[in-house]
Amino acid sequence: MRTNNQPKLTLVGAGPGDPDLLTVKGMKALQTARVVLYDALVNKKLLKYAPEAEHIFVGKRKGCYAYRQEQINELIVSRAKTHGHVVRLKGGDPFVFGRGAEEMEYVTKYGIETAFVPGISSALAVPAYQNVPLTKRGSSESFWVITGTTKAHKLSKDVEQASKSSATVVILMGMSKLGEITALFKKENKHQLPVAIIQSGTTAEEKIGIGTIDTIEAVVAEKQLANPAIIVIGEVVNHRESLAAVYEQANTVVK
C-alpha cells in the first residue's frame, strides 16, 4: 500500500477561478498532499483543502516570475523525493495552454509516479458564466480555442485561419495582441462581428466588455479591461443580450 510519503506528483486543474468549480477528484488530491505548488490564477481558497501541506507560490504576476519553468520542474522532483505527494495546482485545465504535459514528462524521467486530474477550462466556463454559448444552432457549429501569444511572444498564426471561418473564436492570453487580432478580422470584412472580453471570469472581480471588431478596442479602453481576460469572437456573443432581455421580461412578469 502506498503512503503520502512516497514520491508522487498529481497535476490538478483548479478551474477558472470560482473555487466551487474545483472537481471532487481535485479536492481529494489536495487533501492527501504534502506539498502544493500553485499558480497566480489559482484561487487561494482552494488551499484550505490542504491545511497541513506546504504551500509554495510558483506563478507569475505582471511579468515577474516567482520561479522559472525549469526551477518549477526541479522543485517538483526535489519536494516529491523529500516530502512525498506533491500536488501541482494550475488554473483552468493544465492541458489547455497550461504546460502541464511538460511538467509530467519531466517528472517521469526520475521514476516518480504521476497522476492527472482535469480541470474546467476557462475557455469554456468563463463565456458560459456570461451566458455566451460557444456553439449554438444557427450561429456556430464549432469553436477554436487559441493562445494569443506564442512561445516566441508573437500572435499565433492560427488566429488568421480562424478569422476566415464561421466558428466561434476564443483567444486566451491575447489582450496585448488585440489590435493585431481585430486587424485580421477586419481584413475578412467582419467589422460588425460581435466580441466579448471577459476579465477575471467566474470570480467576484469579473468585468465584461461587449462590442464589435470595429469597436472593441474603444470598449476595452473605456472599461479599463486587462489581463487575465478571455476574448470571445462570434455571433454567439449576441446570445447574452437576447437572454438578458428574456430574463428582464420574466422578472417584470413575476413582479
Protein backbone atom coordinates (compact mmCIF):
# COMPACT_ATOMS: atom_id res chain seq x y z
CA MET A 1 0.00 0.00 0.00
CA ARG A 2 1.35 3.42 -0.94
CA THR A 3 1.57 6.26 1.58
CA ASN A 4 1.67 10.04 1.19
CA ASN A 5 5.40 9.85 1.98
CA GLN A 6 6.16 8.08 -1.29
CA PRO A 7 7.24 10.34 -4.19
CA LYS A 8 4.29 11.24 -6.37
CA LEU A 9 3.07 14.15 -8.49
CA THR A 10 -0.61 14.85 -9.07
CA LEU A 11 -1.31 17.56 -11.60
CA VAL A 12 -4.65 19.17 -10.73
CA GLY A 13 -6.74 21.61 -12.73
CA ALA A 14 -8.06 24.28 -10.36
CA GLY A 15 -10.76 25.54 -12.72
CA PRO A 16 -11.33 29.11 -13.95
CA GLY A 17 -11.44 30.98 -10.63
CA ASP A 18 -14.67 30.19 -8.78
CA PRO A 19 -13.48 27.80 -6.03
CA ASP A 20 -16.73 25.82 -6.31
CA LEU A 21 -15.67 24.75 -9.81
CA LEU A 22 -12.86 22.56 -8.50
CA THR A 23 -13.66 18.91 -9.18
CA VAL A 24 -14.27 16.48 -6.33
CA LYS A 25 -11.28 14.44 -7.50
CA GLY A 26 -9.12 17.55 -7.39
CA MET A 27 -10.26 18.24 -3.82
CA LYS A 28 -9.40 14.68 -2.78
CA ALA A 29 -5.92 15.03 -4.26
CA LEU A 30 -5.33 18.23 -2.29
CA GLN A 31 -6.46 16.55 0.91
CA THR A 32 -3.63 14.00 0.62
CA ALA A 33 -0.93 16.45 -0.47
CA ARG A 34 2.26 17.07 1.47
CA VAL A 35 3.24 19.97 -0.80
CA VAL A 36 1.11 22.19 -3.06
CA LEU A 37 2.73 24.24 -5.81
CA TYR A 38 0.19 26.74 -7.13
CA ASP A 39 -0.03 29.37 -9.88
CA ALA A 40 -1.17 33.00 -9.91
CA LEU A 41 -4.57 32.22 -11.42
CA VAL A 42 -5.42 29.67 -8.73
CA ASN A 43 -7.97 30.82 -6.15
CA LYS A 44 -6.16 30.68 -2.81
CA LYS A 45 -9.35 29.48 -1.12
CA LEU A 46 -8.57 26.05 -2.59
CA LEU A 47 -5.52 25.76 -0.34
CA LYS A 48 -7.88 25.15 2.59
CA TYR A 49 -8.24 21.59 1.32
CA ALA A 50 -4.57 21.02 2.11
CA PRO A 51 -4.16 22.72 5.53
CA GLU A 52 -1.21 20.59 6.65
CA ALA A 53 0.68 20.79 3.36
CA GLU A 54 3.49 23.17 2.47
CA HIS A 55 2.13 25.83 0.10
CA ILE A 56 4.54 27.27 -2.48
CA PHE A 57 3.57 30.02 -4.91
CA VAL A 58 5.28 29.39 -8.26
CA GLY A 59 3.21 31.65 -10.51
CA LYS A 60 3.77 34.80 -12.50
CA ARG A 61 2.41 38.27 -11.73
CA LYS A 62 2.82 41.28 -14.04
CA GLY A 63 5.73 39.74 -15.89
CA CYS A 64 7.58 38.78 -12.71
CA TYR A 65 8.24 35.07 -12.27
CA ALA A 66 8.42 33.57 -8.78
CA TYR A 67 10.13 30.58 -10.41
CA ARG A 68 11.20 29.82 -13.95
CA GLN A 69 9.73 26.71 -15.55
CA GLU A 70 12.98 24.80 -15.19
CA GLN A 71 13.04 25.66 -11.48
CA ILE A 72 9.44 24.51 -11.06
CA ASN A 73 10.29 21.18 -12.67
CA GLU A 74 13.24 20.70 -10.32
CA LEU A 75 11.22 21.79 -7.31
CA ILE A 76 8.53 19.19 -8.03
CA VAL A 77 11.15 16.43 -8.17
CA SER A 78 13.03 17.54 -5.05
CA ARG A 79 9.88 18.00 -2.95
CA ALA A 80 8.47 14.67 -4.12
CA LYS A 81 11.66 12.95 -3.01
CA THR A 82 11.82 14.68 0.38
CA HIS A 83 8.13 15.11 1.23
CA GLY A 84 6.11 12.60 -0.81
CA HIS A 85 2.88 13.59 -2.53
CA VAL A 86 3.19 16.86 -4.45
CA VAL A 87 0.10 18.49 -5.96
CA ARG A 88 0.78 20.87 -8.79
CA LEU A 89 -2.28 23.14 -8.83
CA LYS A 90 -2.78 25.04 -12.08
CA GLY A 91 -5.58 27.34 -13.20
CA GLY A 92 -8.21 26.09 -15.63
CA ASP A 93 -7.21 22.79 -17.19
CA PRO A 94 -3.44 22.15 -17.15
CA PHE A 95 -3.53 20.52 -20.59
CA VAL A 96 -5.07 23.63 -22.21
CA PHE A 97 -2.13 26.05 -22.58
CA GLY A 98 -1.03 25.15 -19.06
CA ARG A 99 2.30 23.40 -19.75
CA GLY A 100 1.06 20.54 -17.61
CA ALA A 101 2.23 17.87 -20.03
CA GLU A 102 5.77 19.27 -19.96
CA GLU A 103 5.92 19.03 -16.17
CA MET A 104 4.63 15.47 -16.13
CA GLU A 105 7.12 14.40 -18.80
CA TYR A 106 9.98 15.89 -16.79
CA VAL A 107 8.97 14.20 -13.54
CA THR A 108 8.50 10.74 -15.08
CA LYS A 109 12.15 10.78 -16.16
CA TYR A 110 13.03 10.47 -12.49
CA GLY A 111 10.82 7.44 -11.97
CA ILE A 112 8.27 9.39 -9.94
CA GLU A 113 4.64 8.27 -10.10
CA THR A 114 2.34 10.81 -11.77
CA ALA A 115 -1.41 11.33 -11.95
CA PHE A 116 -3.62 13.88 -13.70
CA VAL A 117 -6.90 15.46 -12.61
CA PRO A 118 -8.53 17.53 -15.38
CA GLY A 119 -9.93 20.94 -14.56
CA ILE A 120 -12.75 23.02 -16.03
CA SER A 121 -11.10 25.17 -18.68
CA SER A 122 -11.61 28.91 -18.52
CA ALA A 123 -12.09 28.80 -22.29
CA LEU A 124 -15.41 27.03 -21.69
CA ALA A 125 -16.57 28.19 -18.27
CA VAL A 126 -15.89 31.93 -18.48
CA PRO A 127 -18.10 32.53 -21.54
CA ALA A 128 -20.74 30.22 -20.06
CA TYR A 129 -20.90 32.28 -16.86
CA GLN A 130 -21.78 35.26 -19.05
CA ASN A 131 -24.45 33.28 -20.93
CA VAL A 132 -22.31 33.04 -24.06
CA PRO A 133 -22.52 29.53 -25.59
CA LEU A 134 -19.55 28.60 -27.75
CA THR A 135 -21.83 26.72 -30.13
CA LYS A 136 -25.44 27.48 -30.93
CA ARG A 137 -27.65 26.07 -33.62
CA GLY A 138 -27.91 28.56 -36.44
CA SER A 139 -24.97 30.65 -35.21
CA SER A 140 -21.92 28.45 -34.75
CA GLU A 141 -21.22 24.78 -35.41
CA SER A 142 -17.73 24.71 -33.91
CA PHE A 143 -15.20 26.75 -31.98
CA TRP A 144 -11.49 27.49 -31.91
CA VAL A 145 -9.51 27.90 -28.70
CA ILE A 146 -6.25 29.66 -29.45
CA THR A 147 -3.40 31.11 -27.44
CA GLY A 148 -2.96 34.76 -28.28
CA THR A 149 0.75 34.77 -27.55
CA THR A 150 3.13 32.02 -28.65
CA LYS A 151 6.40 30.95 -27.03
CA ALA A 152 8.12 33.49 -29.28
CA HIS A 153 5.75 36.22 -27.95
CA LYS A 154 4.09 36.51 -31.35
CA LEU A 155 0.42 36.27 -32.28
CA SER A 156 -0.49 32.69 -33.17
CA LYS A 157 -0.85 32.13 -36.91
CA ASP A 158 -3.97 30.11 -36.13
CA VAL A 159 -5.84 33.36 -35.42
CA GLU A 160 -5.57 34.29 -39.10
CA GLN A 161 -7.00 30.91 -40.10
CA ALA A 162 -9.78 31.24 -37.54
CA SER A 163 -10.73 34.68 -38.81
CA LYS A 164 -11.67 33.11 -42.14
CA SER A 165 -14.08 30.60 -40.57
CA SER A 166 -17.63 30.93 -39.27
CA ALA A 167 -16.69 29.28 -35.97
CA THR A 168 -16.66 30.96 -32.57
CA VAL A 169 -13.11 32.04 -31.71
CA VAL A 170 -11.89 32.02 -28.11
CA ILE A 171 -8.48 33.58 -27.53
CA LEU A 172 -6.58 33.20 -24.27
CA MET A 173 -3.67 35.46 -23.31
CA GLY A 174 -4.42 37.75 -26.24
CA MET A 175 -5.08 41.17 -24.73
CA SER A 176 -1.67 42.55 -25.70
CA LYS A 177 -2.35 41.49 -29.28
CA LEU A 178 -5.92 42.80 -29.51
CA GLY A 179 -5.10 45.31 -32.24
CA GLU A 180 -3.45 42.62 -34.38
CA ILE A 181 -6.40 40.29 -33.79
CA THR A 182 -9.05 42.81 -34.84
CA ALA A 183 -6.97 43.75 -37.90
CA LEU A 184 -7.14 40.16 -39.14
CA PHE A 185 -10.93 40.07 -38.80
CA LYS A 186 -11.27 43.46 -40.48
CA LYS A 187 -9.26 42.07 -43.36
CA GLU A 188 -12.03 39.48 -43.76
CA ASN A 189 -14.68 42.28 -43.74
CA LYS A 190 -16.03 41.18 -40.38
CA HIS A 191 -16.19 44.67 -38.89
CA GLN A 192 -19.56 44.11 -37.18
CA LEU A 193 -18.82 40.67 -35.77
CA PRO A 194 -19.68 40.65 -32.03
CA VAL A 195 -16.87 40.46 -29.49
CA ALA A 196 -16.91 39.88 -25.73
CA ILE A 197 -13.92 40.40 -23.47
CA ILE A 198 -14.27 38.92 -20.00
CA GLN A 199 -11.74 39.78 -17.31
CA SER A 200 -11.26 37.64 -14.18
CA GLY A 201 -14.14 35.43 -15.24
CA THR A 202 -16.19 33.45 -12.66
CA THR A 203 -14.70 35.49 -9.80
CA ALA A 204 -16.02 38.38 -7.71
CA GLU A 205 -13.75 40.71 -9.73
CA GLU A 206 -15.31 39.73 -13.06
CA LYS A 207 -15.66 42.53 -15.64
CA ILE A 208 -17.00 42.35 -19.18
CA GLY A 209 -16.96 44.49 -22.30
CA ILE A 210 -19.17 43.88 -25.33
CA GLY A 211 -18.57 45.37 -28.75
CA THR A 212 -17.73 44.52 -32.33
CA ILE A 213 -14.49 44.04 -34.19
CA ASP A 214 -14.62 47.76 -35.03
CA THR A 215 -15.44 49.00 -31.52
CA ILE A 216 -13.93 46.54 -29.04
CA GLU A 217 -10.62 48.39 -28.57
CA ALA A 218 -12.51 51.51 -27.53
CA VAL A 219 -14.65 49.42 -25.17
CA VAL A 220 -11.52 47.96 -23.57
CA ALA A 221 -10.09 51.44 -23.04
CA GLU A 222 -13.36 52.76 -21.60
CA LYS A 223 -13.84 49.88 -19.18
CA GLN A 224 -10.11 49.53 -18.46
CA LEU A 225 -10.10 45.82 -19.19
CA ALA A 226 -6.83 43.95 -18.82
CA ASN A 227 -5.37 40.50 -18.22
CA PRO A 228 -6.35 37.96 -17.10
CA ALA A 229 -9.04 38.10 -19.76
CA ILE A 230 -10.62 35.97 -22.46
CA ILE A 231 -11.61 37.22 -25.91
CA VAL A 232 -14.70 35.65 -27.48
CA ILE A 233 -15.46 36.47 -31.12
CA GLY A 234 -18.58 35.32 -32.93
CA GLU A 235 -22.33 35.65 -33.38
CA VAL A 236 -22.89 33.63 -30.19
CA VAL A 237 -21.97 36.73 -28.19
CA ASN A 238 -25.39 38.13 -29.16
CA HIS A 239 -26.98 35.26 -27.21
CA ARG A 240 -26.01 37.03 -23.99
CA GLU A 241 -28.04 40.13 -24.88
CA SER A 242 -31.08 38.20 -26.09
CA LEU A 243 -31.05 36.03 -22.96
CA ALA A 244 -30.73 39.11 -20.75
CA ALA A 245 -33.86 40.53 -22.41
CA VAL A 246 -35.72 37.28 -21.69
CA TYR A 247 -34.64 37.43 -18.03
CA GLU A 248 -35.76 41.05 -17.74
CA GLN A 249 -39.14 40.28 -19.27
CA ALA A 250 -39.61 37.27 -16.99
CA ASN A 251 -38.71 39.32 -13.91
CA THR A 252 -41.18 42.02 -14.96
CA VAL A 253 -43.97 39.43 -15.27
CA VAL A 254 -43.14 38.00 -11.83
CA LYS A 255 -43.26 41.43 -10.23
